[in-house]
PDB file of N, CA and C in Angstrom:
ATOM      1  N   MET A   1     -77.307-124.909 114.979  1.00  0.00           N
ATOM      2  CA  MET A   1     -76.188-125.604 114.206  1.00  0.00           C
ATOM      3  C   MET A   1     -76.469-126.743 115.408  1.00  0.00           C
ATOM      4  N   PRO A   2     -76.740-128.214 115.182  1.00  0.00           N
ATOM      5  CA  PRO A   2     -76.862-128.968 116.381  1.00  0.00           C
ATOM      6  C   PRO A   2     -75.543-129.767 116.655  1.00  0.00           C
ATOM      7  N   SER A   3     -75.133-129.992 117.449  1.00  0.00           N
ATOM      8  CA  SER A   3     -73.639-130.798 117.609  1.00  0.00           C
ATOM      9  C   SER A   3     -73.781-132.044 117.001  1.00  0.00           C
ATOM     10  N   PRO A   4     -72.444-132.564 116.767  1.00  0.00           N
ATOM     11  CA  PRO A   4     -72.504-133.947 116.141  1.00  0.00           C
ATOM     12  C   PRO A   4     -72.721-135.114 117.133  1.00  0.00           C
ATOM     13  N   THR A   5     -73.515-135.939 116.153  1.00  0.00           N
ATOM     14  CA  THR A   5     -73.908-137.550 117.340  1.00  0.00           C
ATOM     15  C   THR A   5     -72.882-138.032 117.493  1.00  0.00           C
ATOM     16  N   LYS A   6     -73.294-139.213 118.325  1.00  0.00           N
ATOM     17  CA  LYS A   6     -72.084-140.310 118.714  1.00  0.00           C
ATOM     18  C   LYS A   6     -71.944-141.129 117.336  1.00  0.00           C
ATOM     19  N   ASN A   7     -72.695-141.059 116.757  1.00  0.00           N
ATOM     20  CA  ASN A   7     -72.530-142.049 115.432  1.00  0.00           C
ATOM     21  C   ASN A   7     -71.799-141.434 114.297  1.00  0.00           C
ATOM     22  N   GLN A   8     -71.881-140.131 114.593  1.00  0.00           N
ATOM     23  CA  GLN A   8     -71.157-139.079 113.510  1.00  0.00           C
ATOM     24  C   GLN A   8     -69.720-139.257 113.697  1.00  0.00           C
ATOM     25  N   LEU A   9     -69.198-139.284 115.200  1.00  0.00           N
ATOM     26  CA  LEU A   9     -68.129-139.082 115.702  1.00  0.00           C
ATOM     27  C   LEU A   9     -67.382-140.259 115.598  1.00  0.00           C
ATOM     28  N   LYS A  10     -67.924-141.550 115.978  1.00  0.00           N
ATOM     29  CA  LYS A  10     -67.178-142.780 116.123  1.00  0.00           C
ATOM     30  C   LYS A  10     -66.337-143.527 114.727  1.00  0.00           C
ATOM     31  N   PRO A  11     -66.732-143.048 113.634  1.00  0.00           N
ATOM     32  CA  PRO A  11     -65.961-143.137 112.492  1.00  0.00           C
ATOM     33  C   PRO A  11     -64.716-142.605 112.561  1.00  0.00           C
ATOM     34  N   VAL A  12     -64.766-141.076 113.126  1.00  0.00           N
ATOM     35  CA  VAL A  12     -63.781-139.847 112.886  1.00  0.00           C
ATOM     36  C   VAL A  12     -62.874-140.752 114.144  1.00  0.00           C
ATOM     37  N   ILE A  13     -62.864-141.045 115.183  1.00  0.00           N
ATOM     38  CA  ILE A  13     -62.324-141.230 116.266  1.00  0.00           C
ATOM     39  C   ILE A  13     -61.499-142.572 116.078  1.00  0.00           C
ATOM     40  N   GLY A  14     -62.303-143.643 115.322  1.00  0.00           N
ATOM     41  CA  GLY A  14     -62.035-144.812 114.866  1.00  0.00           C
ATOM     42  C   GLY A  14     -60.761-144.852 113.874  1.00  0.00           C
ATOM     43  N   ALA A  15     -60.872-143.648 113.081  1.00  0.00           N
ATOM     44  CA  ALA A  15     -59.877-143.260 112.031  1.00  0.00           C
ATOM     45  C   ALA A  15     -58.632-142.741 112.842  1.00  0.00           C
ATOM     46  N   ILE A  16     -58.784-141.726 113.721  1.00  0.00           N
ATOM     47  CA  ILE A  16     -57.661-141.620 114.542  1.00  0.00           C
ATOM     48  C   ILE A  16     -56.564-142.292 115.242  1.00  0.00           C
ATOM     49  N   PHE A  17     -57.747-143.181 115.777  1.00  0.00           N
ATOM     50  CA  PHE A  17     -56.619-144.200 116.565  1.00  0.00           C
ATOM     51  C   PHE A  17     -55.659-145.171 115.600  1.00  0.00           C
ATOM     52  N   LYS A  18     -56.540-145.303 114.523  1.00  0.00           N
ATOM     53  CA  LYS A  18     -56.158-146.322 113.389  1.00  0.00           C
ATOM     54  C   LYS A  18     -54.429-145.704 112.884  1.00  0.00           C
ATOM     55  N   SER A  19     -54.898-144.320 112.691  1.00  0.00           N
ATOM     56  CA  SER A  19     -54.046-143.526 112.293  1.00  0.00           C
ATOM     57  C   SER A  19     -52.781-143.092 113.229  1.00  0.00           C
ATOM     58  N   LYS A  20     -53.069-143.167 114.686  1.00  0.00           N
ATOM     59  CA  LYS A  20     -51.887-143.145 115.620  1.00  0.00           C
ATOM     60  C   LYS A  20     -51.127-144.652 115.786  1.00  0.00           C
ATOM     61  N   GLY A  21     -51.682-145.612 115.578  1.00  0.00           N
ATOM     62  CA  GLY A  21     -51.374-147.033 115.424  1.00  0.00           C
ATOM     63  C   GLY A  21     -52.178-147.639 117.083  1.00  0.00           C
ATOM     64  N   PHE A  22     -53.185-147.450 117.455  1.00  0.00           N
ATOM     65  CA  PHE A  22     -53.870-147.872 118.549  1.00  0.00           C
ATOM     66  C   PHE A  22     -53.985-149.365 118.011  1.00  0.00           C
ATOM     67  N   GLU A  23     -53.910-150.240 118.983  1.00  0.00           N
ATOM     68  CA  GLU A  23     -54.316-151.866 118.549  1.00  0.00           C
ATOM     69  C   GLU A  23     -54.899-152.511 119.778  1.00  0.00           C
ATOM     70  N   GLY A  24     -55.775-153.308 119.547  1.00  0.00           N
ATOM     71  CA  GLY A  24     -56.429-154.277 120.782  1.00  0.00           C
ATOM     72  C   GLY A  24     -57.576-154.692 120.443  1.00  0.00           C
ATOM     73  N   ASP A  25     -58.109-155.570 121.350  1.00  0.00           N
ATOM     74  CA  ASP A  25     -59.446-156.401 121.205  1.00  0.00           C
ATOM     75  C   ASP A  25     -60.478-155.577 121.409  1.00  0.00           C
ATOM     76  N   ARG A  26     -60.519-154.431 122.605  1.00  0.00           N
ATOM     77  CA  ARG A  26     -61.523-153.478 122.460  1.00  0.00           C
ATOM     78  C   ARG A  26     -61.468-152.266 122.078  1.00  0.00           C
ATOM     79  N   ILE A  27     -60.684-152.101 121.008  1.00  0.00           N
ATOM     80  CA  ILE A  27     -60.518-150.569 120.475  1.00  0.00           C
ATOM     81  C   ILE A  27     -61.660-149.885 119.963  1.00  0.00           C
ATOM     82  N   ASP A  28     -62.813-150.661 119.684  1.00  0.00           N
ATOM     83  CA  ASP A  28     -63.726-150.499 119.166  1.00  0.00           C
ATOM     84  C   ASP A  28     -64.908-150.057 120.323  1.00  0.00           C
ATOM     85  N   ASP A  29     -64.770-150.670 121.190  1.00  0.00           N
ATOM     86  CA  ASP A  29     -65.300-150.166 122.377  1.00  0.00           C
ATOM     87  C   ASP A  29     -65.087-148.690 123.091  1.00  0.00           C
ATOM     88  N   LEU A  30     -63.494-148.535 122.861  1.00  0.00           N
ATOM     89  CA  LEU A  30     -62.821-147.293 123.358  1.00  0.00           C
ATOM     90  C   LEU A  30     -63.492-146.266 122.873  1.00  0.00           C
ATOM     91  N   SER A  31     -63.080-146.313 121.240  1.00  0.00           N
ATOM     92  CA  SER A  31     -63.924-145.352 120.551  1.00  0.00           C
ATOM     93  C   SER A  31     -65.438-144.944 120.416  1.00  0.00           C
ATOM     94  N   ASP A  32     -65.966-146.211 120.864  1.00  0.00           N
ATOM     95  CA  ASP A  32     -67.474-145.883 121.266  1.00  0.00           C
ATOM     96  C   ASP A  32     -67.722-144.942 122.430  1.00  0.00           C
ATOM     97  N   ALA A  33     -66.938-145.305 123.425  1.00  0.00           N
ATOM     98  CA  ALA A  33     -67.250-144.651 124.847  1.00  0.00           C
ATOM     99  C   ALA A  33     -66.600-143.340 124.259  1.00  0.00           C
ATOM    100  N   LEU A  34     -65.636-143.086 123.750  1.00  0.00           N
ATOM    101  CA  LEU A  34     -65.179-141.826 123.753  1.00  0.00           C
ATOM    102  C   LEU A  34     -65.867-140.843 122.864  1.00  0.00           C
ATOM    103  N   ALA A  35     -66.912-141.642 121.742  1.00  0.00           N
ATOM    104  CA  ALA A  35     -67.596-140.828 121.063  1.00  0.00           C
ATOM    105  C   ALA A  35     -68.862-140.539 121.664  1.00  0.00           C
ATOM    106  N   GLU A  36     -69.548-141.266 122.592  1.00  0.00           N
ATOM    107  CA  GLU A  36     -70.547-140.869 123.533  1.00  0.00           C
ATOM    108  C   GLU A  36     -70.155-139.798 124.452  1.00  0.00           C
ATOM    109  N   ALA A  37     -68.877-139.988 124.749  1.00  0.00           N
ATOM    110  CA  ALA A  37     -68.615-138.577 126.015  1.00  0.00           C
ATOM    111  C   ALA A  37     -68.415-137.231 125.109  1.00  0.00           C
ATOM    112  N   ILE A  38     -67.622-137.270 123.828  1.00  0.00           N
ATOM    113  CA  ILE A  38     -67.419-136.189 123.309  1.00  0.00           C
ATOM    114  C   ILE A  38     -68.896-135.445 122.900  1.00  0.00           C
ATOM    115  N   ALA A  39     -69.582-136.383 122.314  1.00  0.00           N
ATOM    116  CA  ALA A  39     -71.348-136.063 122.052  1.00  0.00           C
ATOM    117  C   ALA A  39     -72.093-135.431 123.004  1.00  0.00           C
ATOM    118  N   GLN A  40     -71.940-135.758 124.243  1.00  0.00           N
ATOM    119  CA  GLN A  40     -72.589-135.543 125.371  1.00  0.00           C
ATOM    120  C   GLN A  40     -72.137-134.123 125.671  1.00  0.00           C
ATOM    121  N   SER A  41     -70.561-133.955 125.970  1.00  0.00           N
ATOM    122  CA  SER A  41     -70.149-132.719 126.199  1.00  0.00           C
ATOM    123  C   SER A  41     -70.288-131.764 125.114  1.00  0.00           C
ATOM    124  N   LEU A  42     -70.587-131.626 124.223  1.00  0.00           N
ATOM    125  CA  LEU A  42     -70.619-130.921 123.028  1.00  0.00           C
ATOM    126  C   LEU A  42     -72.289-130.354 122.815  1.00  0.00           C
ATOM    127  N   THR A  43     -73.259-131.551 122.964  1.00  0.00           N
ATOM    128  CA  THR A  43     -74.428-131.078 123.302  1.00  0.00           C
ATOM    129  C   THR A  43     -74.849-130.189 124.365  1.00  0.00           C
ATOM    130  N   MET A  44     -74.580-130.871 125.934  1.00  0.00           N
ATOM    131  CA  MET A  44     -74.276-129.452 127.015  1.00  0.00           C
ATOM    132  C   MET A  44     -73.555-128.281 126.562  1.00  0.00           C
ATOM    133  N   PHE A  45     -72.476-128.316 125.736  1.00  0.00           N
ATOM    134  CA  PHE A  45     -71.831-126.767 125.691  1.00  0.00           C
ATOM    135  C   PHE A  45     -73.088-126.187 124.739  1.00  0.00           C
ATOM    136  N   MET A  46     -73.596-126.761 123.984  1.00  0.00           N
ATOM    137  CA  MET A  46     -74.086-125.939 122.765  1.00  0.00           C
ATOM    138  C   MET A  46     -75.397-125.506 123.727  1.00  0.00           C
ATOM    139  N   ASN A  47     -75.915-126.202 124.237  1.00  0.00           N
ATOM    140  CA  ASN A  47     -77.209-125.615 125.192  1.00  0.00           C
ATOM    141  C   ASN A  47     -76.864-124.411 126.113  1.00  0.00           C
ATOM    142  N   GLN A  48     -75.590-124.341 126.490  1.00  0.00           N
ATOM    143  CA  GLN A  48     -75.156-123.363 127.324  1.00  0.00           C
ATOM    144  C   GLN A  48     -75.058-121.911 126.830  1.00  0.00           C
ATOM    145  N   VAL A  49     -74.629-122.401 125.288  1.00  0.00           N
ATOM    146  CA  VAL A  49     -74.214-121.210 124.466  1.00  0.00           C
ATOM    147  C   VAL A  49     -75.227-120.329 123.928  1.00  0.00           C
ATOM    148  N   LYS A  50     -76.450-120.507 124.262  1.00  0.00           N
ATOM    149  CA  LYS A  50     -77.455-119.939 123.769  1.00  0.00           C
ATOM    150  C   LYS A  50     -77.466-118.564 124.229  1.00  0.00           C
ATOM    151  N   VAL A  51     -77.854-117.554 123.731  1.00  0.00           N
ATOM    152  CA  VAL A  51     -78.039-116.108 123.844  1.00  0.00           C
ATOM    153  C   VAL A  51     -79.605-115.370 124.282  1.00  0.00           C
ATOM    154  N   ALA A  52     -79.492-115.079 125.406  1.00  0.00           N
ATOM    155  CA  ALA A  52     -81.170-114.405 125.677  1.00  0.00           C
ATOM    156  C   ALA A  52     -81.086-113.131 125.340  1.00  0.00           C
ATOM    157  N   PRO A  53     -82.535-112.867 124.738  1.00  0.00           N
ATOM    158  CA  PRO A  53     -82.678-111.226 124.224  1.00  0.00           C
ATOM    159  C   PRO A  53     -82.717-110.314 125.303  1.00  0.00           C
ATOM    160  N   GLY A  54     -82.269-109.397 125.142  1.00  0.00           N
ATOM    161  CA  GLY A  54     -82.294-108.115 126.202  1.00  0.00           C
ATOM    162  C   GLY A  54     -83.399-107.548 126.529  1.00  0.00           C
ATOM    163  N   ILE A  55     -84.028-108.043 127.675  1.00  0.00           N
ATOM    164  CA  ILE A  55     -85.353-107.550 128.171  1.00  0.00           C
ATOM    165  C   ILE A  55     -84.903-107.130 129.458  1.00  0.00           C
ATOM    166  N   PRO A  56     -85.784-105.518 129.763  1.00  0.00           N
ATOM    167  CA  PRO A  56     -85.172-104.838 130.956  1.00  0.00           C
ATOM    168  C   PRO A  56     -86.227-105.656 132.092  1.00  0.00           C
ATOM    169  N   SER A  57     -85.498-105.284 133.361  1.00  0.00           N
ATOM    170  CA  SER A  57     -85.850-106.145 134.555  1.00  0.00           C
ATOM    171  C   SER A  57     -86.962-105.057 135.276  1.00  0.00           C
ATOM    172  N   SER A  58     -86.688-103.830 134.890  1.00  0.00           N
ATOM    173  CA  SER A  58     -87.795-102.815 135.808  1.00  0.00           C
ATOM    174  C   SER A  58     -88.379-102.217 134.887  1.00  0.00           C
ATOM    175  N   PRO A  59     -89.789-101.711 134.777  1.00  0.00           N
ATOM    176  CA  PRO A  59     -90.910-100.750 133.817  1.00  0.00           C
ATOM    177  C   PRO A  59     -90.044 -99.613 133.498  1.00  0.00           C
ATOM    178  N   THR A  60     -89.267 -98.625 134.150  1.00  0.00           N
ATOM    179  CA  THR A  60     -88.533 -97.963 133.721  1.00  0.00           C
ATOM    180  C   THR A  60     -87.352 -98.108 132.826  1.00  0.00           C
ATOM    181  N   ALA A  61     -86.672 -98.951 132.825  1.00  0.00           N
ATOM    182  CA  ALA A  61     -85.376 -99.259 132.052  1.00  0.00           C
ATOM    183  C   ALA A  61     -85.663 -99.007 130.563  1.00  0.00           C
ATOM    184  N   THR A  62     -84.926 -98.353 129.592  1.00  0.00           N
ATOM    185  CA  THR A  62     -84.799 -98.237 128.522  1.00  0.00           C
ATOM    186  C   THR A  62     -84.335 -99.215 127.629  1.00  0.00           C
ATOM    187  N   ILE A  63     -83.555 -99.962 128.029  1.00  0.00           N
ATOM    188  CA  ILE A  63     -82.579-100.972 127.001  1.00  0.00           C
ATOM    189  C   ILE A  63     -82.055-102.156 127.908  1.00  0.00           C
ATOM    190  N   GLY A  64     -82.159-103.212 127.651  1.00  0.00           N
ATOM    191  CA  GLY A  64     -81.387-104.167 128.251  1.00  0.00           C
ATOM    192  C   GLY A  64     -80.764-105.207 127.472  1.00  0.00           C
ATOM    193  N   PRO A  65     -79.584-105.272 127.709  1.00  0.00           N
ATOM    194  CA  PRO A  65     -78.354-105.888 126.799  1.00  0.00           C
ATOM    195  C   PRO A  65     -78.496-107.401 126.688  1.00  0.00           C
ATOM    196  N   GLY A  66     -78.620-108.266 125.975  1.00  0.00           N
ATOM    197  CA  GLY A  66     -78.622-109.728 126.006  1.00  0.00           C
ATOM    198  C   GLY A  66     -77.457-110.140 126.738  1.00  0.00           C
ATOM    199  N   ASN A  67     -77.919-111.404 127.540  1.00  0.00           N
ATOM    200  CA  ASN A  67     -76.366-111.685 128.572  1.00  0.00           C
ATOM    201  C   ASN A  67     -76.338-113.469 127.907  1.00  0.00           C
ATOM    202  N   LEU A  68     -75.460-113.851 128.035  1.00  0.00           N
ATOM    203  CA  LEU A  68     -75.061-115.121 127.819  1.00  0.00           C
ATOM    204  C   LEU A  68     -75.792-115.975 129.063  1.00  0.00           C
ATOM    205  N   MET A  69     -76.331-116.916 128.672  1.00  0.00           N
ATOM    206  CA  MET A  69     -77.003-117.670 129.750  1.00  0.00           C
ATOM    207  C   MET A  69     -76.175-118.611 130.072  1.00  0.00           C
TER     208      MET A  69
END
Protein backbone atom coordinates (compact mmCIF):
# COMPACT_ATOMS: atom_id res chain seq x y z
CA MET A 1 0.00 0.00 0.00
CA PRO A 2 1.53 3.34 -1.02
CA SER A 3 1.81 6.25 1.37
CA PRO A 4 -0.62 9.19 1.03
CA THR A 5 0.32 11.93 -1.40
CA LYS A 6 0.53 15.66 -0.79
CA ASN A 7 -2.78 16.19 -2.62
CA GLN A 8 -4.50 13.65 -0.36
CA LEU A 9 -3.10 15.16 2.84
CA LYS A 10 -3.64 18.87 2.10
CA PRO A 11 -7.46 18.91 2.61
CA VAL A 12 -7.12 16.93 5.83
CA ILE A 13 -4.51 19.31 7.21
CA GLY A 14 -6.57 22.32 6.11
CA ALA A 15 -9.60 20.92 7.95
CA ILE A 16 -7.53 20.35 11.09
CA PHE A 17 -6.25 23.94 10.94
CA LYS A 18 -9.80 25.29 10.58
CA SER A 19 -11.12 23.13 13.42
CA LYS A 20 -8.35 24.44 15.70
CA GLY A 21 -9.08 28.05 14.75
CA PHE A 22 -5.91 28.82 12.79
CA GLU A 23 -6.32 31.95 10.68
CA GLY A 24 -4.15 34.04 8.42
CA ASP A 25 -3.44 35.13 4.89
CA ARG A 26 -0.94 32.35 4.25
CA ILE A 27 -2.71 29.44 5.99
CA ASP A 28 -3.10 27.64 2.65
CA ASP A 29 0.64 27.89 2.05
CA LEU A 30 1.29 26.48 5.52
CA SER A 31 -1.03 23.52 4.95
CA ASP A 32 0.60 22.92 1.55
CA ALA A 33 4.11 22.92 3.03
CA LEU A 34 3.10 20.67 5.93
CA ALA A 35 1.33 18.24 3.60
CA GLU A 36 4.42 18.04 1.40
CA ALA A 37 6.73 17.41 4.37
CA ILE A 38 4.48 14.70 5.82
CA ALA A 39 4.02 13.01 2.43
CA GLN A 40 7.78 12.91 1.84
CA SER A 41 8.41 11.60 5.37
CA LEU A 42 5.84 8.82 4.96
CA THR A 43 7.29 7.86 1.58
CA MET A 44 10.79 7.57 3.03
CA PHE A 45 9.49 5.59 6.01
CA MET A 46 7.54 3.18 3.80
CA ASN A 47 10.62 2.58 1.65
CA GLN A 48 12.69 1.63 4.72
CA VAL A 49 10.14 -0.79 6.17
CA LYS A 50 10.43 -3.33 3.37
CA VAL A 51 11.48 -6.79 4.49
CA ALA A 52 14.29 -8.60 2.69
CA PRO A 53 13.94 -12.32 2.04
CA GLY A 54 16.04 -14.69 4.14
CA ILE A 55 18.94 -15.59 1.88
CA PRO A 56 21.84 -17.45 3.52
CA SER A 57 25.20 -15.75 3.01
CA SER A 58 27.33 -18.90 2.92
CA PRO A 59 26.74 -22.08 0.88
CA THR A 60 26.82 -24.25 4.02
CA ALA A 61 24.06 -22.36 5.83
CA THR A 62 20.70 -24.11 5.91
CA ILE A 63 18.44 -21.25 7.00
CA GLY A 64 18.48 -17.50 6.61
CA PRO A 65 15.96 -15.36 8.48
CA GLY A 66 14.60 -12.21 6.87
CA ASN A 67 16.01 -8.88 8.00
CA LEU A 68 14.48 -5.43 8.10
CA MET A 69 16.27 -3.20 5.63
